[in-house]
Every structure is written in C-alpha cells, then in structure tokens.
Amino acid sequence: MDKKLKTRRQKLINKAPSLKRVIRGTLRKAYSPCGKKNCKCKKGYLHGPYYYLAVRTEGKTKMYYLPNNLLKEKVKEGVTQYNKLWKFLCKISEMNIKLLRQGK
C-alpha cells in the first residue's frame, strides 16, 4: 500500500499548481455614498461597485483598492489559484501523515 500511496503522492506533486499568480485574500465588492448634498446616493442609490482585495495578517485586515476591471480579474484568478494550492497542500499533507503512520 505504501508504494501505491508514494506513487500517487508523486503524481500529485508533479501536478502542483503554479505559484506565479497566487494571492491570499478575498475579493470584496463595496458600494458607498459620496459627500454631495443632492446626490442620488442620499436616496439609497450608492456609487459602485468598487472592488478591493482584503488581506488579513496578524489579526488586522488591509484593503487594497482595485481601480479597474483588469486588476479585479487578476486578483480573482490569484485568489482562485491560492485556493487550489491550499487544497493541494491538504491532500499532500494527508498522504504524508498516512506514510508517517506506516513508519515510512
């Protein structure tokens, strides 16, 4: 069994996601009012959407404004890559734990 597991693990490692575009964070969409007295946003029609990358580090969340759609799409792709990488690492970790328990 351990030989099969090692083979499966190596095949998985060979298919590892690329790290080039990995971004840890969350894509957030926000709407907001402006400061103009008679603006439509005062009646509930807020301005936006505005997109931000939210990154939590050391208990604090930092927001990065994404001024255009191209950045939004790149961030969305990077966050997706991060999630794929995380799932991949979890699978590899499970396999390594099984091999450890078998004394390999």
PDB file of N, CA and C in Angstrom:
ATOM      1  N   MET A   1       0.817  -1.200   0.000  1.00  0.00           N
ATOM      2  CA  MET A   1       0.000   0.000   0.000  1.00  0.00           C
ATOM      3  C   MET A   1       0.858   1.260   0.000  1.00  0.00           C
ATOM      4  N   ASP A   2       1.943   1.260   0.785  1.00  0.00           N
ATOM      5  CA  ASP A   2       2.748   2.470   0.874  1.00  0.00           C
ATOM      6  C   ASP A   2       3.399   2.818  -0.463  1.00  0.00           C
ATOM      7  N   LYS A   3       3.719   1.818  -1.278  1.00  0.00           N
ATOM      8  CA  LYS A   3       4.310   2.092  -2.591  1.00  0.00           C
ATOM      9  C   LYS A   3       3.278   2.773  -3.502  1.00  0.00           C
ATOM     10  N   LYS A   4       2.038   2.295  -3.445  1.00  0.00           N
ATOM     11  CA  LYS A   4       0.967   2.920  -4.235  1.00  0.00           C
ATOM     12  C   LYS A   4       0.722   4.354  -3.771  1.00  0.00           C
ATOM     13  N   LEU A   5       0.723   4.532  -2.461  1.00  0.00           N
ATOM     14  CA  LEU A   5       0.493   5.862  -1.896  1.00  0.00           C
ATOM     15  C   LEU A   5       1.627   6.814  -2.285  1.00  0.00           C
ATOM     16  N   LYS A   6       2.869   6.337  -2.239  1.00  0.00           N
ATOM     17  CA  LYS A   6       4.008   7.167  -2.640  1.00  0.00           C
ATOM     18  C   LYS A   6       3.916   7.532  -4.119  1.00  0.00           C
ATOM     19  N   THR A   7       3.480   6.590  -4.943  1.00  0.00           N
ATOM     20  CA  THR A   7       3.321   6.839  -6.379  1.00  0.00           C
ATOM     21  C   THR A   7       2.233   7.878  -6.607  1.00  0.00           C
ATOM     22  N   ARG A   8       1.099   7.729  -5.916  1.00  0.00           N
ATOM     23  CA  ARG A   8       0.008   8.705  -6.037  1.00  0.00           C
ATOM     24  C   ARG A   8       0.452  10.088  -5.580  1.00  0.00           C
ATOM     25  N   ARG A   9       1.218  10.109  -4.485  1.00  0.00           N
ATOM     26  CA  ARG A   9       1.717  11.378  -3.966  1.00  0.00           C
ATOM     27  C   ARG A   9       2.643  12.046  -4.978  1.00  0.00           C
ATOM     28  N   GLN A  10       3.540  11.278  -5.582  1.00  0.00           N
ATOM     29  CA  GLN A  10       4.468  11.849  -6.558  1.00  0.00           C
ATOM     30  C   GLN A  10       3.733  12.381  -7.788  1.00  0.00           C
ATOM     31  N   LYS A  11       2.706  11.650  -8.239  1.00  0.00           N
ATOM     32  CA  LYS A  11       1.908  12.119  -9.378  1.00  0.00           C
ATOM     33  C   LYS A  11       1.222  13.445  -9.029  1.00  0.00           C
ATOM     34  N   LEU A  12       0.722  13.528  -7.804  1.00  0.00           N
ATOM     35  CA  LEU A  12       0.068  14.756  -7.352  1.00  0.00           C
ATOM     36  C   LEU A  12       1.081  15.902  -7.278  1.00  0.00           C
ATOM     37  N   ILE A  13       2.265  15.627  -6.753  1.00  0.00           N
ATOM     38  CA  ILE A  13       3.314  16.647  -6.662  1.00  0.00           C
ATOM     39  C   ILE A  13       3.681  17.151  -8.057  1.00  0.00           C
ATOM     40  N   ASN A  14       3.725  16.263  -9.019  1.00  0.00           N
ATOM     41  CA  ASN A  14       4.065  16.649 -10.397  1.00  0.00           C
ATOM     42  C   ASN A  14       3.006  17.561 -11.011  1.00  0.00           C
ATOM     43  N   LYS A  15       1.791  17.530 -10.471  1.00  0.00           N
ATOM     44  CA  LYS A  15       0.700  18.365 -10.976  1.00  0.00           C
ATOM     45  C   LYS A  15       0.472  19.602 -10.102  1.00  0.00           C
ATOM     46  N   ALA A  16       1.449  19.935  -9.297  1.00  0.00           N
ATOM     47  CA  ALA A  16       1.310  21.069  -8.361  1.00  0.00           C
ATOM     48  C   ALA A  16       0.937  22.356  -9.099  1.00  0.00           C
ATOM     49  N   PRO A  17      -0.005  23.109  -8.530  1.00  0.00           N
ATOM     50  CA  PRO A  17      -0.382  24.387  -9.141  1.00  0.00           C
ATOM     51  C   PRO A  17       0.799  25.361  -9.156  1.00  0.00           C
ATOM     52  N   SER A  18       0.799  26.234 -10.133  1.00  0.00           N
ATOM     53  CA  SER A  18       1.838  27.259 -10.252  1.00  0.00           C
ATOM     54  C   SER A  18       1.702  28.281  -9.124  1.00  0.00           C
ATOM     55  N   LEU A  19       2.833  28.771  -8.667  1.00  0.00           N
ATOM     56  CA  LEU A  19       2.838  29.778  -7.608  1.00  0.00           C
ATOM     57  C   LEU A  19       2.912  31.198  -8.169  1.00  0.00           C
ATOM     58  N   LYS A  20       3.025  31.340  -9.472  1.00  0.00           N
ATOM     59  CA  LYS A  20       3.251  32.646 -10.102  1.00  0.00           C
ATOM     60  C   LYS A  20       2.175  33.673  -9.777  1.00  0.00           C
ATOM     61  N   ARG A  21       0.918  33.254  -9.706  1.00  0.00           N
ATOM     62  CA  ARG A  21      -0.173  34.221  -9.542  1.00  0.00           C
ATOM     63  C   ARG A  21      -0.960  34.044  -8.244  1.00  0.00           C
ATOM     64  N   VAL A  22      -0.416  33.292  -7.320  1.00  0.00           N
ATOM     65  CA  VAL A  22      -1.116  33.026  -6.061  1.00  0.00           C
ATOM     66  C   VAL A  22      -1.278  34.313  -5.248  1.00  0.00           C
ATOM     67  N   ILE A  23      -2.512  34.558  -4.812  1.00  0.00           N
ATOM     68  CA  ILE A  23      -2.812  35.705  -3.956  1.00  0.00           C
ATOM     69  C   ILE A  23      -3.693  35.220  -2.805  1.00  0.00           C
ATOM     70  N   ARG A  24      -3.213  35.441  -1.574  1.00  0.00           N
ATOM     71  CA  ARG A  24      -4.008  35.077  -0.404  1.00  0.00           C
ATOM     72  C   ARG A  24      -4.837  36.289  -0.027  1.00  0.00           C
ATOM     73  N   GLY A  25      -6.126  36.109  -0.006  1.00  0.00           N
ATOM     74  CA  GLY A  25      -7.022  37.194   0.345  1.00  0.00           C
ATOM     75  C   GLY A  25      -8.420  36.919  -0.165  1.00  0.00           C
ATOM     76  N   THR A  26      -9.255  37.930  -0.079  1.00  0.00           N
ATOM     77  CA  THR A  26     -10.643  37.827  -0.508  1.00  0.00           C
ATOM     78  C   THR A  26     -10.970  39.022  -1.385  1.00  0.00           C
ATOM     79  N   LEU A  27     -11.660  38.758  -2.485  1.00  0.00           N
ATOM     80  CA  LEU A  27     -12.123  39.837  -3.349  1.00  0.00           C
ATOM     81  C   LEU A  27     -13.433  40.356  -2.773  1.00  0.00           C
ATOM     82  N   ARG A  28     -13.485  41.659  -2.518  1.00  0.00           N
ATOM     83  CA  ARG A  28     -14.694  42.256  -1.934  1.00  0.00           C
ATOM     84  C   ARG A  28     -15.258  43.340  -2.842  1.00  0.00           C
ATOM     85  N   LYS A  29     -16.569  43.410  -2.857  1.00  0.00           N
ATOM     86  CA  LYS A  29     -17.279  44.416  -3.635  1.00  0.00           C
ATOM     87  C   LYS A  29     -17.962  45.356  -2.645  1.00  0.00           C
ATOM     88  N   ALA A  30     -17.845  46.662  -2.906  1.00  0.00           N
ATOM     89  CA  ALA A  30     -18.440  47.641  -1.989  1.00  0.00           C
ATOM     90  C   ALA A  30     -19.154  48.743  -2.763  1.00  0.00           C
ATOM     91  N   TYR A  31     -20.180  49.281  -2.136  1.00  0.00           N
ATOM     92  CA  TYR A  31     -20.909  50.444  -2.646  1.00  0.00           C
ATOM     93  C   TYR A  31     -20.819  51.512  -1.557  1.00  0.00           C
ATOM     94  N   SER A  32     -20.751  52.778  -1.967  1.00  0.00           N
ATOM     95  CA  SER A  32     -20.635  53.808  -0.941  1.00  0.00           C
ATOM     96  C   SER A  32     -21.288  55.119  -1.367  1.00  0.00           C
ATOM     97  N   PRO A  33     -21.635  55.931  -0.388  1.00  0.00           N
ATOM     98  CA  PRO A  33     -22.196  57.261  -0.680  1.00  0.00           C
ATOM     99  C   PRO A  33     -21.057  58.263  -0.889  1.00  0.00           C
ATOM    100  N   CYS A  34     -21.379  59.356  -1.528  1.00  0.00           N
ATOM    101  CA  CYS A  34     -20.390  60.425  -1.679  1.00  0.00           C
ATOM    102  C   CYS A  34     -20.750  61.566  -0.725  1.00  0.00           C
ATOM    103  N   GLY A  35     -20.087  62.671  -0.845  1.00  0.00           N
ATOM    104  CA  GLY A  35     -20.344  63.782   0.060  1.00  0.00           C
ATOM    105  C   GLY A  35     -21.242  64.861  -0.517  1.00  0.00           C
ATOM    106  N   LYS A  36     -21.732  64.664  -1.736  1.00  0.00           N
ATOM    107  CA  LYS A  36     -22.576  65.690  -2.356  1.00  0.00           C
ATOM    108  C   LYS A  36     -23.967  65.705  -1.729  1.00  0.00           C
ATOM    109  N   LYS A  37     -24.442  66.890  -1.488  1.00  0.00           N
ATOM    110  CA  LYS A  37     -25.695  67.087  -0.763  1.00  0.00           C
ATOM    111  C   LYS A  37     -26.925  66.519  -1.488  1.00  0.00           C
ATOM    112  N   ASN A  38     -27.055  66.750  -2.767  1.00  0.00           N
ATOM    113  CA  ASN A  38     -28.251  66.338  -3.515  1.00  0.00           C
ATOM    114  C   ASN A  38     -28.013  65.136  -4.427  1.00  0.00           C
ATOM    115  N   CYS A  39     -27.051  64.327  -4.124  1.00  0.00           N
ATOM    116  CA  CYS A  39     -26.715  63.170  -4.977  1.00  0.00           C
ATOM    117  C   CYS A  39     -27.740  62.053  -4.803  1.00  0.00           C
ATOM    118  N   LYS A  40     -27.881  61.234  -5.842  1.00  0.00           N
ATOM    119  CA  LYS A  40     -28.803  60.091  -5.806  1.00  0.00           C
ATOM    120  C   LYS A  40     -28.445  59.090  -4.703  1.00  0.00           C
ATOM    121  N   CYS A  41     -27.175  59.105  -4.289  1.00  0.00           N
ATOM    122  CA  CYS A  41     -26.763  58.142  -3.256  1.00  0.00           C
ATOM    123  C   CYS A  41     -27.414  58.449  -1.905  1.00  0.00           C
ATOM    124  N   LYS A  42     -27.877  59.666  -1.732  1.00  0.00           N
ATOM    125  CA  LYS A  42     -28.572  60.014  -0.485  1.00  0.00           C
ATOM    126  C   LYS A  42     -29.954  59.354  -0.423  1.00  0.00           C
ATOM    127  N   LYS A  43     -30.446  58.910  -1.592  1.00  0.00           N
ATOM    128  CA  LYS A  43     -31.747  58.229  -1.662  1.00  0.00           C
ATOM    129  C   LYS A  43     -31.588  56.711  -1.747  1.00  0.00           C
ATOM    130  N   GLY A  44     -30.371  56.225  -1.494  1.00  0.00           N
ATOM    131  CA  GLY A  44     -30.156  54.786  -1.470  1.00  0.00           C
ATOM    132  C   GLY A  44     -29.478  54.207  -2.710  1.00  0.00           C
ATOM    133  N   TYR A  45     -29.250  55.020  -3.731  1.00  0.00           N
ATOM    134  CA  TYR A  45     -28.581  54.542  -4.941  1.00  0.00           C
ATOM    135  C   TYR A  45     -27.077  54.799  -4.815  1.00  0.00           C
ATOM    136  N   LEU A  46     -26.410  53.931  -4.090  1.00  0.00           N
ATOM    137  CA  LEU A  46     -24.999  54.132  -3.774  1.00  0.00           C
ATOM    138  C   LEU A  46     -24.111  53.999  -5.010  1.00  0.00           C
ATOM    139  N   HIS A  47     -22.946  54.598  -4.938  1.00  0.00           N
ATOM    140  CA  HIS A  47     -21.967  54.540  -6.024  1.00  0.00           C
ATOM    141  C   HIS A  47     -21.213  53.217  -5.954  1.00  0.00           C
ATOM    142  N   GLY A  48     -20.851  52.705  -7.111  1.00  0.00           N
ATOM    143  CA  GLY A  48     -20.088  51.459  -7.140  1.00  0.00           C
ATOM    144  C   GLY A  48     -20.618  50.547  -8.216  1.00  0.00           C
ATOM    145  N   PRO A  49     -20.203  49.355  -8.255  1.00  0.00           N
ATOM    146  CA  PRO A  49     -19.381  48.704  -7.232  1.00  0.00           C
ATOM    147  C   PRO A  49     -17.902  49.095  -7.342  1.00  0.00           C
ATOM    148  N   TYR A  50     -17.257  49.085  -6.187  1.00  0.00           N
ATOM    149  CA  TYR A  50     -15.821  49.271  -6.093  1.00  0.00           C
ATOM    150  C   TYR A  50     -15.262  47.947  -5.584  1.00  0.00           C
ATOM    151  N   TYR A  51     -14.131  47.551  -6.124  1.00  0.00           N
ATOM    152  CA  TYR A  51     -13.560  46.255  -5.751  1.00  0.00           C
ATOM    153  C   TYR A  51     -12.278  46.438  -4.940  1.00  0.00           C
ATOM    154  N   TYR A  52     -12.121  45.559  -3.942  1.00  0.00           N
ATOM    155  CA  TYR A  52     -10.977  45.589  -3.046  1.00  0.00           C
ATOM    156  C   TYR A  52     -10.461  44.167  -2.839  1.00  0.00           C
ATOM    157  N   LEU A  53      -9.165  44.075  -2.599  1.00  0.00           N
ATOM    158  CA  LEU A  53      -8.567  42.836  -2.134  1.00  0.00           C
ATOM    159  C   LEU A  53      -8.408  43.000  -0.630  1.00  0.00           C
ATOM    160  N   ALA A  54      -9.009  42.108   0.136  1.00  0.00           N
ATOM    161  CA  ALA A  54      -8.901  42.145   1.594  1.00  0.00           C
ATOM    162  C   ALA A  54      -7.920  41.055   2.030  1.00  0.00           C
ATOM    163  N   VAL A  55      -6.890  41.461   2.768  1.00  0.00           N
ATOM    164  CA  VAL A  55      -5.870  40.521   3.238  1.00  0.00           C
ATOM    165  C   VAL A  55      -5.752  40.653   4.746  1.00  0.00           C
ATOM    166  N   ARG A  56      -5.938  39.540   5.446  1.00  0.00           N
ATOM    167  CA  ARG A  56      -5.857  39.540   6.910  1.00  0.00           C
ATOM    168  C   ARG A  56      -4.483  39.015   7.325  1.00  0.00           C
ATOM    169  N   THR A  57      -3.758  39.854   8.083  1.00  0.00           N
ATOM    170  CA  THR A  57      -2.424  39.490   8.563  1.00  0.00           C
ATOM    171  C   THR A  57      -2.283  39.979   9.993  1.00  0.00           C
ATOM    172  N   GLU A  58      -1.829  39.092  10.839  1.00  0.00           N
ATOM    173  CA  GLU A  58      -1.605  39.415  12.254  1.00  0.00           C
ATOM    174  C   GLU A  58      -2.826  40.054  12.904  1.00  0.00           C
ATOM    175  N   GLY A  59      -4.000  39.525  12.595  1.00  0.00           N
ATOM    176  CA  GLY A  59      -5.234  39.988  13.221  1.00  0.00           C
ATOM    177  C   GLY A  59      -5.818  41.261  12.636  1.00  0.00           C
ATOM    178  N   LYS A  60      -5.182  41.813  11.615  1.00  0.00           N
ATOM    179  CA  LYS A  60      -5.684  43.047  11.000  1.00  0.00           C
ATOM    180  C   LYS A  60      -5.954  42.814   9.523  1.00  0.00           C
ATOM    181  N   THR A  61      -7.026  43.437   9.042  1.00  0.00           N
ATOM    182  CA  THR A  61      -7.373  43.328   7.630  1.00  0.00           C
ATOM    183  C   THR A  61      -6.938  44.584   6.906  1.00  0.00           C
ATOM    184  N   LYS A  62      -6.199  44.390   5.824  1.00  0.00           N
ATOM    185  CA  LYS A  62      -5.781  45.513   4.994  1.00  0.00           C
ATOM    186  C   LYS A  62      -6.540  45.412   3.676  1.00  0.00           C
ATOM    187  N   MET A  63      -7.077  46.541   3.224  1.00  0.00           N
ATOM    188  CA  MET A  63      -7.850  46.589   1.988  1.00  0.00           C
ATOM    189  C   MET A  63      -7.031  47.278   0.901  1.00  0.00           C
ATOM    190  N   TYR A  64      -6.956  46.640  -0.256  1.00  0.00           N
ATOM    191  CA  TYR A  64      -6.269  47.211  -1.404  1.00  0.00           C
ATOM    192  C   TYR A  64      -7.301  47.513  -2.484  1.00  0.00           C
ATOM    193  N   TYR A  65      -7.418  48.761  -2.839  1.00  0.00           N
ATOM    194  CA  TYR A  65      -8.371  49.183  -3.862  1.00  0.00           C
ATOM    195  C   TYR A  65      -7.909  48.702  -5.233  1.00  0.00           C
ATOM    196  N   LEU A  66      -8.843  48.175  -6.016  1.00  0.00           N
ATOM    197  CA  LEU A  66      -8.559  47.706  -7.373  1.00  0.00           C
ATOM    198  C   LEU A  66      -9.250  48.664  -8.345  1.00  0.00           C
ATOM    199  N   PRO A  67      -8.500  49.595  -8.930  1.00  0.00           N
ATOM    200  CA  PRO A  67      -9.118  50.665  -9.705  1.00  0.00           C
ATOM    201  C   PRO A  67      -9.725  50.281 -11.045  1.00  0.00           C
ATOM    202  N   ASN A  68      -9.431  49.086 -11.546  1.00  0.00           N
ATOM    203  CA  ASN A  68     -10.034  48.729 -12.836  1.00  0.00           C
ATOM    204  C   ASN A  68     -10.369  47.238 -12.914  1.00  0.00           C
ATOM    205  N   ASN A  69     -11.149  46.896 -13.924  1.00  0.00           N
ATOM    206  CA  ASN A  69     -11.626  45.520 -14.100  1.00  0.00           C
ATOM    207  C   ASN A  69     -10.495  44.528 -14.332  1.00  0.00           C
ATOM    208  N   LEU A  70      -9.436  44.956 -15.019  1.00  0.00           N
ATOM    209  CA  LEU A  70      -8.314  44.068 -15.289  1.00  0.00           C
ATOM    210  C   LEU A  70      -7.671  43.616 -13.987  1.00  0.00           C
ATOM    211  N   LEU A  71      -7.455  44.539 -13.075  1.00  0.00           N
ATOM    212  CA  LEU A  71      -6.906  44.177 -11.765  1.00  0.00           C
ATOM    213  C   LEU A  71      -7.849  43.245 -11.018  1.00  0.00           C
ATOM    214  N   LYS A  72      -9.140  43.532 -11.098  1.00  0.00           N
ATOM    215  CA  LYS A  72     -10.128  42.679 -10.422  1.00  0.00           C
ATOM    216  C   LYS A  72     -10.020  41.251 -10.932  1.00  0.00           C
ATOM    217  N   GLU A  73      -9.919  41.078 -12.233  1.00  0.00           N
ATOM    218  CA  GLU A  73      -9.839  39.739 -12.823  1.00  0.00           C
ATOM    219  C   GLU A  73      -8.537  39.040 -12.436  1.00  0.00           C
ATOM    220  N   LYS A  74      -7.440  39.785 -12.392  1.00  0.00           N
ATOM    221  CA  LYS A  74      -6.154  39.195 -11.989  1.00  0.00           C
ATOM    222  C   LYS A  74      -6.202  38.750 -10.527  1.00  0.00           C
ATOM    223  N   VAL A  75      -6.802  39.573  -9.687  1.00  0.00           N
ATOM    224  CA  VAL A  75      -6.921  39.216  -8.274  1.00  0.00           C
ATOM    225  C   VAL A  75      -7.827  38.003  -8.115  1.00  0.00           C
ATOM    226  N   LYS A  76      -8.930  37.981  -8.847  1.00  0.00           N
ATOM    227  CA  LYS A  76      -9.852  36.849  -8.790  1.00  0.00           C
ATOM    228  C   LYS A  76      -9.127  35.552  -9.177  1.00  0.00           C
ATOM    229  N   GLU A  77      -8.329  35.620 -10.234  1.00  0.00           N
ATOM    230  CA  GLU A  77      -7.544  34.460 -10.665  1.00  0.00           C
ATOM    231  C   GLU A  77      -6.529  34.059  -9.596  1.00  0.00           C
ATOM    232  N   GLY A  78      -5.858  35.047  -9.004  1.00  0.00           N
ATOM    233  CA  GLY A  78      -4.863  34.766  -7.976  1.00  0.00           C
ATOM    234  C   GLY A  78      -5.458  34.123  -6.734  1.00  0.00           C
ATOM    235  N   VAL A  79      -6.625  34.590  -6.323  1.00  0.00           N
ATOM    236  CA  VAL A  79      -7.312  34.013  -5.166  1.00  0.00           C
ATOM    237  C   VAL A  79      -7.748  32.576  -5.486  1.00  0.00           C
ATOM    238  N   THR A  80      -8.220  32.349  -6.693  1.00  0.00           N
ATOM    239  CA  THR A  80      -8.603  31.000  -7.130  1.00  0.00           C
ATOM    240  C   THR A  80      -7.378  30.079  -7.094  1.00  0.00           C
ATOM    241  N   GLN A  81      -6.237  30.577  -7.581  1.00  0.00           N
ATOM    242  CA  GLN A  81      -5.004  29.793  -7.555  1.00  0.00           C
ATOM    243  C   GLN A  81      -4.595  29.466  -6.119  1.00  0.00           C
ATOM    244  N   TYR A  82      -4.752  30.431  -5.224  1.00  0.00           N
ATOM    245  CA  TYR A  82      -4.425  30.201  -3.815  1.00  0.00           C
ATOM    246  C   TYR A  82      -5.294  29.079  -3.240  1.00  0.00           C
ATOM    247  N   ASN A  83      -6.587  29.118  -3.536  1.00  0.00           N
ATOM    248  CA  ASN A  83      -7.497  28.094  -3.016  1.00  0.00           C
ATOM    249  C   ASN A  83      -7.156  26.714  -3.572  1.00  0.00           C
ATOM    250  N   LYS A  84      -6.777  26.644  -4.858  1.00  0.00           N
ATOM    251  CA  LYS A  84      -6.350  25.368  -5.450  1.00  0.00           C
ATOM    252  C   LYS A  84      -5.090  24.866  -4.760  1.00  0.00           C
ATOM    253  N   LEU A  85      -4.159  25.775  -4.530  1.00  0.00           N
ATOM    254  CA  LEU A  85      -2.906  25.402  -3.871  1.00  0.00           C
ATOM    255  C   LEU A  85      -3.180  24.895  -2.459  1.00  0.00           C
ATOM    256  N   TRP A  86      -4.068  25.559  -1.737  1.00  0.00           N
ATOM    257  CA  TRP A  86      -4.396  25.143  -0.371  1.00  0.00           C
ATOM    258  C   TRP A  86      -4.972  23.722  -0.361  1.00  0.00           C
ATOM    259  N   LYS A  87      -5.897  23.439  -1.277  1.00  0.00           N
ATOM    260  CA  LYS A  87      -6.484  22.085  -1.364  1.00  0.00           C
ATOM    261  C   LYS A  87      -5.408  21.066  -1.703  1.00  0.00           C
ATOM    262  N   PHE A  88      -4.512  21.441  -2.600  1.00  0.00           N
ATOM    263  CA  PHE A  88      -3.405  20.573  -2.987  1.00  0.00           C
ATOM    264  C   PHE A  88      -2.529  20.261  -1.768  1.00  0.00           C
ATOM    265  N   LEU A  89      -2.166  21.285  -1.006  1.00  0.00           N
ATOM    266  CA  LEU A  89      -1.330  21.081   0.182  1.00  0.00           C
ATOM    267  C   LEU A  89      -2.019  20.187   1.212  1.00  0.00           C
ATOM    268  N   CYS A  90      -3.324  20.337   1.349  1.00  0.00           N
ATOM    269  CA  CYS A  90      -4.073  19.490   2.279  1.00  0.00           C
ATOM    270  C   CYS A  90      -4.008  18.023   1.859  1.00  0.00           C
ATOM    271  N   LYS A  91      -4.144  17.773   0.562  1.00  0.00           N
ATOM    272  CA  LYS A  91      -4.070  16.392   0.056  1.00  0.00           C
ATOM    273  C   LYS A  91      -2.684  15.799   0.290  1.00  0.00           C
ATOM    274  N   ILE A  92      -1.645  16.572  -0.015  1.00  0.00           N
ATOM    275  CA  ILE A  92      -0.268  16.097   0.189  1.00  0.00           C
ATOM    276  C   ILE A  92      -0.028  15.826   1.674  1.00  0.00           C
ATOM    277  N   SER A  93      -0.508  16.715   2.531  1.00  0.00           N
ATOM    278  CA  SER A  93      -0.340  16.542   3.966  1.00  0.00           C
ATOM    279  C   SER A  93      -1.012  15.251   4.451  1.00  0.00           C
ATOM    280  N   GLU A  94      -2.225  14.982   3.964  1.00  0.00           N
ATOM    281  CA  GLU A  94      -2.921  13.750   4.342  1.00  0.00           C
ATOM    282  C   GLU A  94      -2.110  12.520   3.943  1.00  0.00           C
ATOM    283  N   MET A  95      -1.561  12.553   2.740  1.00  0.00           N
ATOM    284  CA  MET A  95      -0.747  11.423   2.271  1.00  0.00           C
ATOM    285  C   MET A  95       0.504  11.273   3.127  1.00  0.00           C
ATOM    286  N   ASN A  96       1.147  12.382   3.461  1.00  0.00           N
ATOM    287  CA  ASN A  96       2.356  12.325   4.294  1.00  0.00           C
ATOM    288  C   ASN A  96       2.050  11.785   5.685  1.00  0.00           C
ATOM    289  N   ILE A  97       0.906  12.142   6.228  1.00  0.00           N
ATOM    290  CA  ILE A  97       0.511  11.629   7.549  1.00  0.00           C
ATOM    291  C   ILE A  97       0.287  10.119   7.483  1.00  0.00           C
ATOM    292  N   LYS A  98      -0.382   9.656   6.426  1.00  0.00           N
ATOM    293  CA  LYS A  98      -0.598   8.208   6.262  1.00  0.00           C
ATOM    294  C   LYS A  98       0.732   7.476   6.179  1.00  0.00           C
ATOM    295  N   LEU A  99       1.684   8.044   5.415  1.00  0.00           N
ATOM    296  CA  LEU A  99       3.005   7.413   5.295  1.00  0.00           C
ATOM    297  C   LEU A  99       3.755   7.435   6.618  1.00  0.00           C
ATOM    298  N   LEU A 100       3.632   8.512   7.380  1.00  0.00           N
ATOM    299  CA  LEU A 100       4.259   8.574   8.708  1.00  0.00           C
ATOM    300  C   LEU A 100       3.703   7.503   9.637  1.00  0.00           C
ATOM    301  N   ARG A 101       2.381   7.361   9.576  1.00  0.00           N
ATOM    302  CA  ARG A 101       1.739   6.366  10.454  1.00  0.00           C
ATOM    303  C   ARG A 101       2.157   4.946  10.080  1.00  0.00           C
ATOM    304  N   GLN A 102       2.533   4.755   8.823  1.00  0.00           N
ATOM    305  CA  GLN A 102       3.001   3.434   8.375  1.00  0.00           C
ATOM    306  C   GLN A 102       4.481   3.256   8.666  1.00  0.00           C
ATOM    307  N   GLY A 103       5.116   4.305   9.221  1.00  0.00           N
ATOM    308  CA  GLY A 103       6.534   4.224   9.555  1.00  0.00           C
ATOM    309  C   GLY A 103       7.431   4.429   8.350  1.00  0.00           C
ATOM    310  N   LYS A 104       6.949   5.116   7.321  1.00  0.00           N
ATOM    311  CA  LYS A 104       7.741   5.320   6.103  1.00  0.00           C
ATOM    312  C   LYS A 104       8.269   6.719   6.069  1.00  0.00           C
TER     313      LYS A 104
END
